[in-house]
N, C-alpha and C. Protein backbone atom coordinates (compact mmCIF):
# COMPACT_ATOMS: atom_id res chain seq x y z
N MET A 1 -11.86 -6.70 -31.58
CA MET A 1 -10.67 -6.44 -31.06
C MET A 1 -11.58 -5.68 -29.39
N ASP A 2 -11.62 -6.17 -28.14
CA ASP A 2 -12.14 -5.82 -27.52
C ASP A 2 -11.23 -4.55 -26.46
N TRP A 3 -11.82 -3.28 -26.55
CA TRP A 3 -10.91 -2.24 -26.22
C TRP A 3 -10.39 -2.39 -24.58
N ASP A 4 -10.92 -3.33 -23.51
CA ASP A 4 -10.59 -3.53 -22.11
C ASP A 4 -9.10 -4.44 -22.88
N ASP A 5 -9.07 -4.92 -23.99
CA ASP A 5 -7.90 -5.77 -24.13
C ASP A 5 -6.38 -4.87 -24.50
N VAL A 6 -7.11 -3.41 -24.67
CA VAL A 6 -5.87 -2.71 -24.99
C VAL A 6 -5.33 -1.20 -24.24
N ARG A 7 -6.72 -1.27 -23.12
CA ARG A 7 -6.25 -0.21 -22.55
C ARG A 7 -5.27 -0.83 -20.87
N PRO A 8 -4.74 0.03 -20.81
CA PRO A 8 -3.28 0.07 -19.60
C PRO A 8 -4.12 -0.39 -18.30
N LYS A 9 -3.96 -1.54 -17.90
CA LYS A 9 -3.97 -1.90 -16.41
C LYS A 9 -3.96 -0.68 -15.61
N PRO A 10 -4.96 -0.41 -14.68
CA PRO A 10 -4.70 0.77 -13.78
C PRO A 10 -3.98 0.29 -12.85
N LYS A 11 -2.96 1.35 -12.54
CA LYS A 11 -1.76 1.23 -11.34
C LYS A 11 -2.13 1.90 -10.44
N ALA A 12 -1.42 0.58 -9.54
CA ALA A 12 -1.78 0.73 -7.61
C ALA A 12 -1.57 2.09 -7.28
N ALA A 13 -2.44 2.63 -6.41
CA ALA A 13 -2.23 3.98 -5.94
C ALA A 13 -1.26 4.41 -5.33
N ILE A 14 -0.54 3.15 -4.60
CA ILE A 14 0.60 3.48 -3.96
C ILE A 14 1.72 2.55 -4.29
N VAL A 15 2.82 2.71 -4.92
CA VAL A 15 3.88 1.73 -4.67
C VAL A 15 4.80 2.45 -3.85
N ILE A 16 5.19 1.03 -3.45
CA ILE A 16 6.83 1.09 -1.92
C ILE A 16 7.58 1.74 -2.92
N GLY A 17 8.67 2.57 -2.57
CA GLY A 17 9.76 2.75 -3.19
C GLY A 17 9.87 3.70 -4.46
N GLU A 18 8.53 4.04 -4.97
CA GLU A 18 8.17 4.61 -6.12
C GLU A 18 9.12 5.98 -5.90
N GLU A 19 8.91 6.56 -7.15
CA GLU A 19 10.31 7.93 -7.03
C GLU A 19 9.20 9.10 -6.80
N LEU A 20 9.63 9.82 -6.09
CA LEU A 20 8.57 10.76 -5.26
C LEU A 20 8.80 12.46 -5.79
N LYS A 21 9.80 12.39 -6.53
CA LYS A 21 10.12 13.86 -7.21
C LYS A 21 8.98 14.62 -8.14
N THR A 22 8.30 13.44 -8.40
CA THR A 22 7.41 13.97 -9.50
C THR A 22 6.02 13.91 -8.84
N LEU A 23 5.76 14.02 -8.19
CA LEU A 23 4.74 13.90 -7.23
C LEU A 23 4.68 15.36 -6.88
N SER A 24 3.19 16.13 -6.67
CA SER A 24 3.00 17.67 -6.01
C SER A 24 2.88 17.34 -4.48
N VAL A 25 2.89 18.42 -3.75
CA VAL A 25 3.08 18.41 -2.66
C VAL A 25 1.21 17.64 -2.03
N ALA A 26 0.42 18.19 -3.25
CA ALA A 26 -1.14 17.84 -2.42
C ALA A 26 -0.98 16.04 -3.02
N ASP A 27 -0.36 15.60 -3.92
CA ASP A 27 -0.21 14.34 -3.88
C ASP A 27 0.64 13.53 -3.00
N LEU A 28 1.50 13.90 -2.72
CA LEU A 28 2.27 13.70 -1.69
C LEU A 28 1.48 13.42 -0.02
N LYS A 29 0.69 14.46 0.26
CA LYS A 29 -0.46 14.63 1.29
C LYS A 29 -1.35 13.35 1.12
N ALA A 30 -1.79 13.51 0.12
CA ALA A 30 -2.75 12.22 -0.31
C ALA A 30 -2.25 11.10 -0.13
N ARG A 31 -0.89 10.99 -0.66
CA ARG A 31 -0.67 9.16 0.00
C ARG A 31 -0.21 9.39 1.24
N VAL A 32 -0.23 10.19 1.81
CA VAL A 32 0.23 10.09 3.46
C VAL A 32 -0.83 9.60 4.10
N ALA A 33 -2.19 10.20 3.76
CA ALA A 33 -3.56 9.89 4.12
C ALA A 33 -3.80 8.53 3.76
N ALA A 34 -3.79 8.59 2.74
CA ALA A 34 -4.05 7.00 2.45
C ALA A 34 -2.91 6.17 2.96
N CYS A 35 -1.70 6.24 3.20
CA CYS A 35 -0.94 5.21 4.05
C CYS A 35 -1.31 5.10 5.48
N GLU A 36 -2.01 6.49 5.97
CA GLU A 36 -2.35 6.29 7.48
C GLU A 36 -3.95 5.55 7.78
N ALA A 37 -4.32 5.66 6.52
CA ALA A 37 -5.68 4.97 6.88
C ALA A 37 -5.32 3.48 6.58
N GLU A 38 -4.53 2.84 5.54
CA GLU A 38 -3.59 1.64 5.65
C GLU A 38 -3.77 1.25 6.77
N ILE A 39 -2.72 1.79 7.48
CA ILE A 39 -2.35 1.20 9.10
C ILE A 39 -3.29 1.12 9.69
N VAL A 40 -4.39 2.10 10.25
CA VAL A 40 -5.50 1.87 11.23
C VAL A 40 -6.41 0.44 10.41
N ARG A 41 -6.31 0.44 9.11
CA ARG A 41 -6.94 -1.28 9.01
C ARG A 41 -6.44 -2.13 8.73
N LEU A 42 -5.41 -2.16 8.70
CA LEU A 42 -4.17 -3.32 9.33
C LEU A 42 -3.88 -3.42 10.83
N THR A 43 -4.22 -2.44 11.54
CA THR A 43 -4.30 -2.52 13.04
C THR A 43 -5.30 -3.09 13.35
N ALA A 44 -6.22 -2.63 13.17
CA ALA A 44 -7.76 -3.44 13.52
C ALA A 44 -7.85 -4.86 12.78
N GLU A 45 -7.41 -5.12 11.64
CA GLU A 45 -7.06 -6.69 11.31
C GLU A 45 -6.50 -7.26 12.24
N ILE A 46 -5.42 -6.94 12.78
CA ILE A 46 -4.28 -7.59 13.65
C ILE A 46 -5.00 -7.57 14.93
N ALA A 47 -5.44 -6.69 15.65
CA ALA A 47 -6.28 -7.06 16.86
C ALA A 47 -7.35 -7.85 16.84
N GLY A 48 -8.09 -7.91 15.83
CA GLY A 48 -9.42 -9.05 15.38
C GLY A 48 -8.45 -10.29 15.83
N ARG A 49 -7.40 -10.55 14.56
CA ARG A 49 -6.89 -11.73 14.78
C ARG A 49 -6.41 -11.79 16.17
N GLN A 50 -5.66 -11.40 16.82
CA GLN A 50 -5.20 -11.69 17.90
C GLN A 50 -6.37 -12.05 19.14
N ALA A 51 -7.70 -11.43 19.03
CA ALA A 51 -8.31 -11.40 19.94
C ALA A 51 -9.04 -12.79 19.80
N HIS A 52 -9.20 -13.10 18.41
CA HIS A 52 -9.95 -14.73 17.78
C HIS A 52 -8.90 -15.56 18.44
N GLU A 53 -7.45 -15.51 18.58
CA GLU A 53 -6.47 -16.33 18.77
C GLU A 53 -6.51 -16.67 20.20
N GLN A 54 -7.03 -15.49 20.69
CA GLN A 54 -7.21 -15.60 22.23
C GLN A 54 -7.81 -16.20 22.85
N ALA A 55 -9.36 -16.16 22.46
CA ALA A 55 -10.30 -16.88 22.33
C ALA A 55 -9.74 -18.47 22.42
N ALA A 56 -9.52 -18.59 21.15
CA ALA A 56 -9.52 -19.98 21.17
C ALA A 56 -8.76 -20.94 22.05
N SER A 57 -7.34 -19.84 22.07
CA SER A 57 -6.57 -20.43 23.48
C SER A 57 -7.49 -20.65 24.24
N ARG A 58 -8.41 -19.85 25.07
CA ARG A 58 -9.01 -20.04 26.76
C ARG A 58 -9.81 -21.21 25.86
N LEU A 59 -10.31 -21.18 24.85
CA LEU A 59 -11.45 -22.36 24.88
C LEU A 59 -10.70 -23.57 24.98
N PHE A 60 -9.65 -24.40 24.32
CA PHE A 60 -8.85 -25.38 24.35
C PHE A 60 -8.04 -25.49 25.60
N LYS A 61 -7.37 -24.19 26.51
CA LYS A 61 -7.34 -24.69 27.67
C LYS A 61 -8.05 -25.29 28.62
N SER A 62 -9.41 -24.88 28.63
CA SER A 62 -10.36 -25.05 29.55
C SER A 62 -10.51 -26.68 30.05
């Protein structure tokens, strides 16, 4: 038997709706920072996709 099969899979760092009462203030602050970083990443992805769509639209309207 392989030990990788026995070990529990790592849990996602942040689960939306997860109980927060068991987390420390430091854990809560870390989660906020992680969420803010993810928002920045998502916003950049949206901007990139919108720019791509606009460029394609301009190309095909010409």
